[in-house]
Amino acid sequence: MLKVLRPTPTHYGIYVTDLELMVNFYTRLFGLTITDRGKGVSFDTDLVFTSASEDQHHQLVFATGRPKEATFSTIMQMSFLVPSIQHLRDLSALARTLGATKIRSMNHGNALSVYLHDPEGNLVEVYLDLPYYVSQPHGEPLDLSLSDQEILELTEKASQADPSFKTMTRWAEDFRNTVT
């Protein structure tokens, strides 16, 4: 399992309509640091580079150019890994105050997730990896008002009842054996 200290995206960029709104949303919600900003040299686009890690110059880039009349996001989802269930609770509450919509929590057996739509309608997942594997897609409602211990006990019990259940250690062994 990957260990992180704060939400950690991978390297990608998205086109936005309102650059400052979107930069504010993501830097405030996920604590991303702006590492650079400026006008594209080979194309006429304003860019803002952000990162959650001092060893990566940018992990999420915002670029102007999304048409204001765009009603559908082509982003299936952007995912941010967090280190604890409490982070899921805290970020869910903060996201609501920053203008996120359609916030819902899901238990995938292998991860606990909060899904939300950012101010421009892009789907964002905030998740915590778990040490279990169950075949995907798999999703049940997640009640974040329960204690951490209750959530983990219910998840372990439900995951073990799934016919595809195995530990992530076992899954990783199986994965290594399938790589040729």
Protein backbone atom coordinates (compact mmCIF):
# COMPACT_ATOMS: atom_id res chain seq x y z
CA MET A 1 0.00 0.00 0.00
CA LEU A 2 1.13 3.49 -0.80
CA LYS A 3 1.79 5.68 2.24
CA VAL A 4 0.96 9.38 1.94
CA LEU A 5 0.84 12.32 4.30
CA ARG A 6 -1.78 14.35 2.41
CA PRO A 7 -3.93 13.90 -0.70
CA THR A 8 -1.61 12.94 -3.52
CA PRO A 9 -2.68 13.13 -7.17
CA THR A 10 -0.79 11.69 -10.10
CA HIS A 11 0.46 13.88 -12.97
CA TYR A 12 -2.32 15.19 -15.18
CA GLY A 13 -3.81 18.42 -16.49
CA ILE A 14 -7.33 19.67 -17.00
CA TYR A 15 -8.84 22.44 -19.07
CA VAL A 16 -10.91 24.87 -17.01
CA THR A 17 -13.29 27.74 -17.66
CA ASP A 18 -12.56 29.77 -14.51
CA LEU A 19 -8.85 29.35 -13.75
CA GLU A 20 -8.78 31.15 -10.39
CA LEU A 21 -11.94 29.41 -9.10
CA MET A 22 -10.54 25.99 -9.90
CA VAL A 23 -7.04 26.70 -8.57
CA ASN A 24 -8.58 28.02 -5.34
CA PHE A 25 -10.82 24.93 -5.00
CA TYR A 26 -8.02 22.38 -5.42
CA THR A 27 -5.31 24.22 -3.47
CA ARG A 28 -7.66 24.79 -0.53
CA LEU A 29 -9.30 21.36 -0.56
CA PHE A 30 -6.18 19.26 -1.07
CA GLY A 31 -3.45 21.59 0.18
CA LEU A 32 -1.73 21.60 -3.22
CA THR A 33 1.14 24.04 -3.67
CA ILE A 34 1.37 26.26 -6.75
CA THR A 35 4.82 25.56 -8.18
CA ASP A 36 4.64 27.70 -11.34
CA ARG A 37 2.22 29.65 -13.49
CA GLY A 38 2.38 31.42 -16.79
CA LYS A 39 1.37 31.57 -20.44
CA GLY A 40 2.13 28.58 -22.67
CA VAL A 41 5.09 29.21 -24.99
CA SER A 42 3.88 27.15 -27.93
CA PHE A 43 0.14 27.70 -27.37
CA ASP A 44 -1.99 30.54 -26.04
CA THR A 45 -3.07 29.02 -22.71
CA ASP A 46 -2.63 30.20 -19.14
CA LEU A 47 -1.22 27.39 -16.99
CA VAL A 48 -1.01 26.85 -13.24
CA PHE A 49 1.17 23.96 -12.02
CA THR A 50 0.47 22.39 -8.62
CA SER A 51 1.98 19.60 -6.55
CA ALA A 52 1.55 17.80 -3.23
CA SER A 53 5.14 16.58 -3.14
CA GLU A 54 8.48 18.33 -3.05
CA ASP A 55 9.96 15.68 -5.33
CA GLN A 56 7.48 16.36 -8.17
CA HIS A 57 7.32 19.79 -9.80
CA HIS A 58 3.72 19.28 -10.85
CA GLN A 59 1.08 16.63 -10.38
CA LEU A 60 -2.02 18.59 -11.42
CA VAL A 61 -1.99 21.35 -14.03
CA PHE A 62 -4.85 23.74 -14.78
CA ALA A 63 -5.11 25.20 -18.27
CA THR A 64 -7.49 27.81 -19.63
CA GLY A 65 -9.43 26.87 -22.72
CA ARG A 66 -12.48 24.93 -21.60
CA PRO A 67 -15.46 26.57 -23.32
CA LYS A 68 -17.90 28.29 -20.95
CA GLU A 69 -20.78 26.51 -22.68
CA ALA A 70 -19.26 23.05 -21.99
CA THR A 71 -21.88 21.14 -20.04
CA PHE A 72 -20.17 17.76 -19.98
CA SER A 73 -16.78 16.97 -18.50
CA THR A 74 -14.66 14.48 -20.40
CA ILE A 75 -12.82 13.63 -17.18
CA MET A 76 -14.09 10.28 -15.88
CA GLN A 77 -12.56 10.95 -12.46
CA MET A 78 -9.51 12.38 -10.72
CA SER A 79 -8.43 10.48 -7.61
CA PHE A 80 -6.59 11.68 -4.51
CA LEU A 81 -5.18 9.20 -1.98
CA VAL A 82 -5.45 10.11 1.71
CA PRO A 83 -3.83 8.55 4.79
CA SER A 84 -6.91 8.12 7.04
CA ILE A 85 -10.67 7.82 7.33
CA GLN A 86 -10.70 11.16 9.19
CA HIS A 87 -9.25 12.79 6.06
CA LEU A 88 -12.28 11.50 4.14
CA ARG A 89 -14.60 13.13 6.68
CA ASP A 90 -12.66 16.40 6.81
CA LEU A 91 -12.25 16.77 3.05
CA SER A 92 -15.91 15.91 2.46
CA ALA A 93 -16.98 18.74 4.78
CA LEU A 94 -14.45 21.21 3.35
CA ALA A 95 -15.41 20.33 -0.23
CA ARG A 96 -19.02 21.24 0.51
CA THR A 97 -17.98 24.69 1.80
CA LEU A 98 -15.81 25.22 -1.31
CA GLY A 99 -18.70 24.59 -3.68
CA ALA A 100 -18.48 20.86 -4.40
CA THR A 101 -21.73 19.11 -5.27
CA LYS A 102 -23.06 15.55 -5.48
CA ILE A 103 -20.92 14.39 -2.54
CA ARG A 104 -21.34 10.71 -1.72
CA SER A 105 -19.35 8.07 0.16
CA MET A 106 -18.73 4.53 -1.07
CA ASN A 107 -17.12 1.39 0.30
CA HIS A 108 -15.38 -0.55 -2.48
CA GLY A 109 -14.01 -3.30 -0.23
CA ASN A 110 -10.47 -2.49 -1.35
CA ALA A 111 -10.88 1.23 -0.65
CA LEU A 112 -13.11 3.74 1.10
CA SER A 113 -14.06 6.64 -1.15
CA VAL A 114 -15.77 10.00 -1.18
CA TYR A 115 -16.92 11.18 -4.61
CA LEU A 116 -17.75 14.79 -5.43
CA HIS A 117 -18.12 17.15 -8.35
CA ASP A 118 -15.80 20.17 -8.36
CA PRO A 119 -17.20 23.64 -9.21
CA GLU A 120 -16.97 22.89 -12.96
CA GLY A 121 -18.59 19.45 -12.72
CA ASN A 122 -15.51 17.21 -12.88
CA LEU A 123 -15.78 14.00 -10.84
CA VAL A 124 -13.21 13.76 -8.03
CA GLU A 125 -12.56 10.74 -5.83
CA VAL A 126 -10.87 11.02 -2.44
CA TYR A 127 -9.92 7.56 -1.22
CA LEU A 128 -8.15 5.42 1.38
CA ASP A 129 -6.62 2.11 0.30
CA LEU A 130 -7.45 -0.96 2.38
CA PRO A 131 -5.51 -4.23 2.71
CA TYR A 132 -8.24 -6.28 0.97
CA TYR A 133 -9.06 -7.22 -2.58
CA VAL A 134 -12.57 -7.86 -3.91
CA SER A 135 -13.29 -7.82 -7.62
CA GLN A 136 -14.30 -4.46 -9.05
CA PRO A 137 -16.54 -2.71 -9.71
CA HIS A 138 -17.88 -3.12 -6.20
CA GLY A 139 -19.57 -0.41 -4.19
CA GLU A 140 -21.79 -0.07 -1.18
CA PRO A 141 -22.82 3.07 0.69
CA LEU A 142 -20.29 4.20 3.29
CA ASP A 143 -21.50 5.79 6.53
CA LEU A 144 -18.71 8.12 7.65
CA SER A 145 -20.63 8.95 10.86
CA LEU A 146 -19.55 5.54 12.20
CA SER A 147 -16.28 5.27 14.11
CA ASP A 148 -13.12 4.27 12.25
CA GLN A 149 -13.17 0.91 14.04
CA GLU A 150 -16.80 0.24 13.09
CA ILE A 151 -16.13 1.10 9.45
CA LEU A 152 -13.06 -1.13 9.29
CA GLU A 153 -14.78 -4.06 11.05
CA LEU A 154 -17.84 -3.86 8.77
CA THR A 155 -15.62 -3.61 5.70
CA GLU A 156 -13.47 -6.58 6.67
CA LYS A 157 -16.54 -8.73 7.38
CA ALA A 158 -18.28 -7.77 4.12
CA SER A 159 -15.08 -8.19 2.09
CA GLN A 160 -14.38 -11.64 3.51
CA ALA A 161 -17.93 -12.68 2.57
CA ASP A 162 -17.26 -11.80 -1.10
CA PRO A 163 -16.22 -14.90 -3.14
CA SER A 164 -13.38 -12.94 -4.77
CA PHE A 165 -11.86 -11.86 -1.42
CA LYS A 166 -8.12 -12.06 -0.83
CA THR A 167 -5.60 -9.91 0.96
CA MET A 168 -3.79 -7.30 -1.09
CA THR A 169 -0.56 -9.15 -0.28
CA ARG A 170 -2.01 -12.25 -1.95
CA TRP A 171 -3.38 -10.17 -4.83
CA ALA A 172 0.09 -8.65 -5.38
CA GLU A 173 1.64 -12.16 -5.42
CA ASP A 174 -0.94 -13.27 -7.99
CA PHE A 175 -0.28 -10.13 -10.03
CA ARG A 176 3.47 -10.74 -10.05
CA ASN A 177 2.84 -14.31 -11.23
CA THR A 178 0.74 -13.09 -14.16
CA VAL A 179 3.37 -10.63 -15.40
CA THR A 180 5.38 -12.23 -18.16
